[in-house]
Amino acid sequence: MNEEKKLPQIDIEEIAKKGEEIYEKKFRKHYEPSHNGKFLAIEVDSEEGFLGNTSIEATEEAKKKYPQKFFYIKKIGFSAAEVISSHSSPLHSYGRLF
């Protein structure tokens, strides 16, 4: 019998909401404007952020500490964001939020 590999159920909207709240509360004043254009991967349960020059770099840093988590990815100084899983390639996003 061929079983499909199931992805964990996640609430993209909830991760995005929490991630943006954490960014506004904890990171914006420290990273804007001096880091505009870089990426921050936020693990929403711990509220920890991981900075990178690309979304891949930020995600890889976050995965070192939280290999089984999902991350809210924020491009510093911009309004676009992504929710990325550590279970897949960092290029595969489950939802893009604008």
N, C-alpha and C. Protein backbone atom coordinates (compact mmCIF):
# COMPACT_ATOMS: atom_id res chain seq x y z
N MET A 1 0.84 -1.17 0.00
CA MET A 1 0.00 0.00 0.00
C MET A 1 0.89 1.25 0.00
N ASN A 2 0.56 2.19 -0.85
CA ASN A 2 1.35 3.40 -1.00
C ASN A 2 0.73 4.51 -0.15
N GLU A 3 1.39 4.86 0.96
CA GLU A 3 0.87 5.90 1.84
C GLU A 3 1.44 7.26 1.45
N GLU A 4 0.59 8.26 1.43
CA GLU A 4 1.04 9.61 1.15
C GLU A 4 1.69 10.21 2.38
N LYS A 5 2.77 10.93 2.16
CA LYS A 5 3.42 11.64 3.25
C LYS A 5 2.58 12.88 3.54
N LYS A 6 2.09 13.00 4.75
CA LYS A 6 1.24 14.13 5.11
C LYS A 6 2.06 15.23 5.74
N LEU A 7 1.77 16.45 5.31
CA LEU A 7 2.38 17.62 5.93
C LEU A 7 1.63 17.94 7.21
N PRO A 8 2.32 18.43 8.20
CA PRO A 8 1.61 18.80 9.43
C PRO A 8 0.61 19.91 9.15
N GLN A 9 -0.49 19.90 9.87
CA GLN A 9 -1.49 20.94 9.72
C GLN A 9 -0.99 22.21 10.39
N ILE A 10 -0.99 23.28 9.65
CA ILE A 10 -0.57 24.55 10.21
C ILE A 10 -1.61 25.61 9.87
N ASP A 11 -1.66 26.60 10.69
CA ASP A 11 -2.54 27.74 10.45
C ASP A 11 -1.67 28.89 9.98
N ILE A 12 -1.56 29.03 8.66
CA ILE A 12 -0.69 30.04 8.07
C ILE A 12 -1.07 31.44 8.56
N GLU A 13 -2.34 31.70 8.62
CA GLU A 13 -2.78 33.03 9.04
C GLU A 13 -2.37 33.32 10.48
N GLU A 14 -2.45 32.30 11.34
CA GLU A 14 -2.07 32.50 12.74
C GLU A 14 -0.56 32.74 12.87
N ILE A 15 0.24 31.97 12.14
CA ILE A 15 1.69 32.18 12.16
C ILE A 15 2.02 33.57 11.64
N ALA A 16 1.37 33.97 10.56
CA ALA A 16 1.62 35.30 9.98
C ALA A 16 1.23 36.40 10.96
N LYS A 17 0.09 36.25 11.59
CA LYS A 17 -0.38 37.26 12.55
C LYS A 17 0.59 37.37 13.72
N LYS A 18 0.95 36.22 14.30
CA LYS A 18 1.89 36.23 15.42
C LYS A 18 3.25 36.77 15.00
N GLY A 19 3.72 36.31 13.83
CA GLY A 19 5.02 36.74 13.34
C GLY A 19 5.10 38.24 13.14
N GLU A 20 4.06 38.82 12.55
CA GLU A 20 4.04 40.27 12.32
C GLU A 20 3.97 41.03 13.65
N GLU A 21 3.17 40.52 14.59
CA GLU A 21 3.08 41.15 15.91
C GLU A 21 4.44 41.13 16.61
N ILE A 22 5.12 40.00 16.54
CA ILE A 22 6.44 39.87 17.16
C ILE A 22 7.43 40.82 16.49
N TYR A 23 7.38 40.88 15.16
CA TYR A 23 8.28 41.78 14.42
C TYR A 23 8.07 43.22 14.87
N GLU A 24 6.82 43.64 14.91
CA GLU A 24 6.51 45.03 15.29
C GLU A 24 6.94 45.33 16.73
N LYS A 25 6.67 44.39 17.63
CA LYS A 25 6.94 44.59 19.05
C LYS A 25 8.43 44.49 19.39
N LYS A 26 9.12 43.56 18.76
CA LYS A 26 10.45 43.19 19.22
C LYS A 26 11.60 43.54 18.26
N PHE A 27 11.34 43.52 16.96
CA PHE A 27 12.45 43.62 16.01
C PHE A 27 12.51 44.88 15.17
N ARG A 28 11.38 45.49 14.82
CA ARG A 28 11.38 46.62 13.88
C ARG A 28 12.35 47.72 14.31
N LYS A 29 12.26 48.15 15.56
CA LYS A 29 13.09 49.28 16.00
C LYS A 29 14.58 48.95 15.99
N HIS A 30 14.93 47.67 16.08
CA HIS A 30 16.35 47.28 16.08
C HIS A 30 16.91 47.06 14.67
N TYR A 31 16.04 46.74 13.71
CA TYR A 31 16.51 46.36 12.38
C TYR A 31 16.22 47.37 11.27
N GLU A 32 15.23 48.25 11.46
CA GLU A 32 14.93 49.25 10.43
C GLU A 32 15.55 50.58 10.82
N PRO A 33 16.13 51.32 9.95
CA PRO A 33 16.38 51.05 8.55
C PRO A 33 17.74 50.42 8.27
N SER A 34 18.54 50.19 9.31
CA SER A 34 19.93 49.75 9.10
C SER A 34 20.07 48.39 8.42
N HIS A 35 19.03 47.55 8.50
CA HIS A 35 19.09 46.22 7.88
C HIS A 35 18.04 46.05 6.77
N ASN A 36 17.50 47.15 6.26
CA ASN A 36 16.49 47.06 5.20
C ASN A 36 17.00 46.21 4.04
N GLY A 37 16.14 45.31 3.56
CA GLY A 37 16.48 44.44 2.44
C GLY A 37 16.97 43.07 2.89
N LYS A 38 17.36 42.93 4.16
CA LYS A 38 17.74 41.62 4.69
C LYS A 38 16.48 40.89 5.13
N PHE A 39 16.63 39.64 5.54
CA PHE A 39 15.50 38.81 5.92
C PHE A 39 15.62 38.36 7.37
N LEU A 40 14.47 38.25 8.03
CA LEU A 40 14.41 37.78 9.40
C LEU A 40 13.45 36.61 9.47
N ALA A 41 13.94 35.46 9.93
CA ALA A 41 13.09 34.29 10.15
C ALA A 41 12.70 34.31 11.62
N ILE A 42 11.40 34.33 11.89
CA ILE A 42 10.91 34.40 13.27
C ILE A 42 10.23 33.08 13.62
N GLU A 43 10.69 32.46 14.70
CA GLU A 43 10.02 31.28 15.24
C GLU A 43 9.03 31.83 16.26
N VAL A 44 7.73 31.69 15.96
CA VAL A 44 6.72 32.44 16.71
C VAL A 44 6.51 31.94 18.14
N ASP A 45 6.78 30.69 18.44
CA ASP A 45 6.59 30.21 19.81
C ASP A 45 7.65 30.77 20.76
N SER A 46 8.89 30.80 20.31
CA SER A 46 9.99 31.31 21.14
C SER A 46 10.18 32.82 20.97
N GLU A 47 9.63 33.37 19.90
CA GLU A 47 9.79 34.78 19.52
C GLU A 47 11.25 35.10 19.19
N GLU A 48 11.99 34.09 18.75
CA GLU A 48 13.39 34.27 18.40
C GLU A 48 13.52 34.59 16.92
N GLY A 49 14.43 35.48 16.58
CA GLY A 49 14.65 35.88 15.20
C GLY A 49 16.03 35.49 14.71
N PHE A 50 16.12 35.21 13.41
CA PHE A 50 17.37 34.79 12.78
C PHE A 50 17.56 35.62 11.51
N LEU A 51 18.61 36.40 11.47
CA LEU A 51 18.87 37.34 10.39
C LEU A 51 19.69 36.69 9.28
N GLY A 52 19.36 37.03 8.02
CA GLY A 52 20.13 36.55 6.88
C GLY A 52 20.07 37.54 5.74
N ASN A 53 20.99 37.41 4.81
CA ASN A 53 20.98 38.26 3.63
C ASN A 53 19.90 37.84 2.64
N THR A 54 19.47 36.58 2.71
CA THR A 54 18.41 36.03 1.86
C THR A 54 17.42 35.28 2.76
N SER A 55 16.24 34.97 2.23
CA SER A 55 15.28 34.20 3.02
C SER A 55 15.83 32.80 3.29
N ILE A 56 16.58 32.25 2.33
CA ILE A 56 17.17 30.93 2.52
C ILE A 56 18.17 30.96 3.67
N GLU A 57 19.03 31.97 3.68
CA GLU A 57 20.04 32.08 4.74
C GLU A 57 19.38 32.23 6.11
N ALA A 58 18.37 33.07 6.22
CA ALA A 58 17.68 33.26 7.50
C ALA A 58 16.99 31.97 7.94
N THR A 59 16.36 31.27 7.00
CA THR A 59 15.69 30.01 7.32
C THR A 59 16.69 28.95 7.76
N GLU A 60 17.80 28.85 7.07
CA GLU A 60 18.83 27.86 7.43
C GLU A 60 19.35 28.11 8.84
N GLU A 61 19.55 29.37 9.20
CA GLU A 61 19.99 29.70 10.56
C GLU A 61 18.93 29.28 11.58
N ALA A 62 17.67 29.56 11.28
CA ALA A 62 16.59 29.20 12.19
C ALA A 62 16.46 27.68 12.34
N LYS A 63 16.65 26.95 11.23
CA LYS A 63 16.53 25.49 11.25
C LYS A 63 17.61 24.82 12.10
N LYS A 64 18.75 25.49 12.26
CA LYS A 64 19.81 24.93 13.10
C LYS A 64 19.32 24.76 14.53
N LYS A 65 18.53 25.69 15.01
CA LYS A 65 18.02 25.63 16.38
C LYS A 65 16.65 24.97 16.47
N TYR A 66 15.82 25.17 15.44
CA TYR A 66 14.44 24.66 15.45
C TYR A 66 14.17 23.86 14.18
N PRO A 67 14.73 22.66 14.06
CA PRO A 67 14.62 21.90 12.81
C PRO A 67 13.20 21.44 12.45
N GLN A 68 12.30 21.39 13.39
CA GLN A 68 10.95 20.89 13.12
C GLN A 68 9.87 21.98 13.14
N LYS A 69 10.28 23.22 13.09
CA LYS A 69 9.33 24.32 13.20
C LYS A 69 9.03 25.00 11.87
N PHE A 70 7.99 25.83 11.87
CA PHE A 70 7.65 26.70 10.77
C PHE A 70 8.10 28.10 11.14
N PHE A 71 8.43 28.92 10.14
CA PHE A 71 8.95 30.25 10.41
C PHE A 71 8.20 31.32 9.63
N TYR A 72 8.07 32.46 10.26
CA TYR A 72 7.55 33.64 9.60
C TYR A 72 8.76 34.38 9.05
N ILE A 73 8.77 34.62 7.76
CA ILE A 73 9.90 35.28 7.11
C ILE A 73 9.51 36.70 6.74
N LYS A 74 10.27 37.64 7.24
CA LYS A 74 10.00 39.05 6.99
C LYS A 74 11.18 39.68 6.26
N LYS A 75 10.91 40.35 5.15
CA LYS A 75 11.94 41.14 4.49
C LYS A 75 11.92 42.50 5.16
N ILE A 76 13.00 42.81 5.82
CA ILE A 76 13.07 44.00 6.65
C ILE A 76 12.91 45.25 5.79
N GLY A 77 11.98 46.11 6.23
CA GLY A 77 11.71 47.35 5.52
C GLY A 77 10.67 47.21 4.42
N PHE A 78 10.09 46.02 4.25
CA PHE A 78 9.09 45.75 3.21
C PHE A 78 7.84 45.15 3.84
N SER A 79 6.73 45.14 3.11
CA SER A 79 5.49 44.60 3.66
C SER A 79 5.25 43.14 3.32
N ALA A 80 6.01 42.55 2.40
CA ALA A 80 5.79 41.15 2.02
C ALA A 80 6.41 40.21 3.06
N ALA A 81 5.78 39.05 3.24
CA ALA A 81 6.28 38.04 4.18
C ALA A 81 5.87 36.66 3.70
N GLU A 82 6.51 35.62 4.25
CA GLU A 82 6.19 34.24 3.92
C GLU A 82 6.15 33.41 5.19
N VAL A 83 5.46 32.28 5.11
CA VAL A 83 5.54 31.26 6.16
C VAL A 83 6.23 30.08 5.52
N ILE A 84 7.35 29.67 6.10
CA ILE A 84 8.15 28.60 5.52
C ILE A 84 8.32 27.48 6.54
N SER A 85 8.22 26.27 6.04
CA SER A 85 8.37 25.09 6.87
C SER A 85 9.81 24.63 6.90
N SER A 86 10.23 24.11 8.03
CA SER A 86 11.57 23.53 8.10
C SER A 86 11.57 22.11 7.55
N HIS A 87 10.40 21.57 7.23
CA HIS A 87 10.29 20.20 6.73
C HIS A 87 10.55 20.10 5.24
N SER A 88 10.63 21.22 4.57
CA SER A 88 10.79 21.21 3.12
C SER A 88 11.94 22.13 2.73
N SER A 89 12.17 22.22 1.46
CA SER A 89 13.16 23.14 0.95
C SER A 89 12.79 24.55 1.38
N PRO A 90 13.76 25.38 1.76
CA PRO A 90 13.44 26.75 2.15
C PRO A 90 12.76 27.54 1.04
N LEU A 91 12.85 27.08 -0.19
CA LEU A 91 12.21 27.80 -1.30
C LEU A 91 10.72 27.50 -1.40
N HIS A 92 10.25 26.46 -0.70
CA HIS A 92 8.84 26.10 -0.78
C HIS A 92 8.07 26.83 0.31
N SER A 93 7.25 27.79 -0.08
CA SER A 93 6.47 28.49 0.92
C SER A 93 5.04 27.96 0.90
N TYR A 94 4.45 27.87 2.06
CA TYR A 94 3.07 27.41 2.19
C TYR A 94 2.08 28.53 2.01
N GLY A 95 2.52 29.73 2.09
CA GLY A 95 1.63 30.86 1.89
C GLY A 95 2.42 32.13 1.76
N ARG A 96 2.02 32.96 0.87
CA ARG A 96 2.69 34.23 0.69
C ARG A 96 1.71 35.30 1.14
N LEU A 97 2.15 36.20 1.96
CA LEU A 97 1.27 37.19 2.53
C LEU A 97 1.72 38.59 2.13
N PHE A 98 0.80 39.39 1.67
CA PHE A 98 1.15 40.76 1.26
C PHE A 98 0.26 41.75 1.97
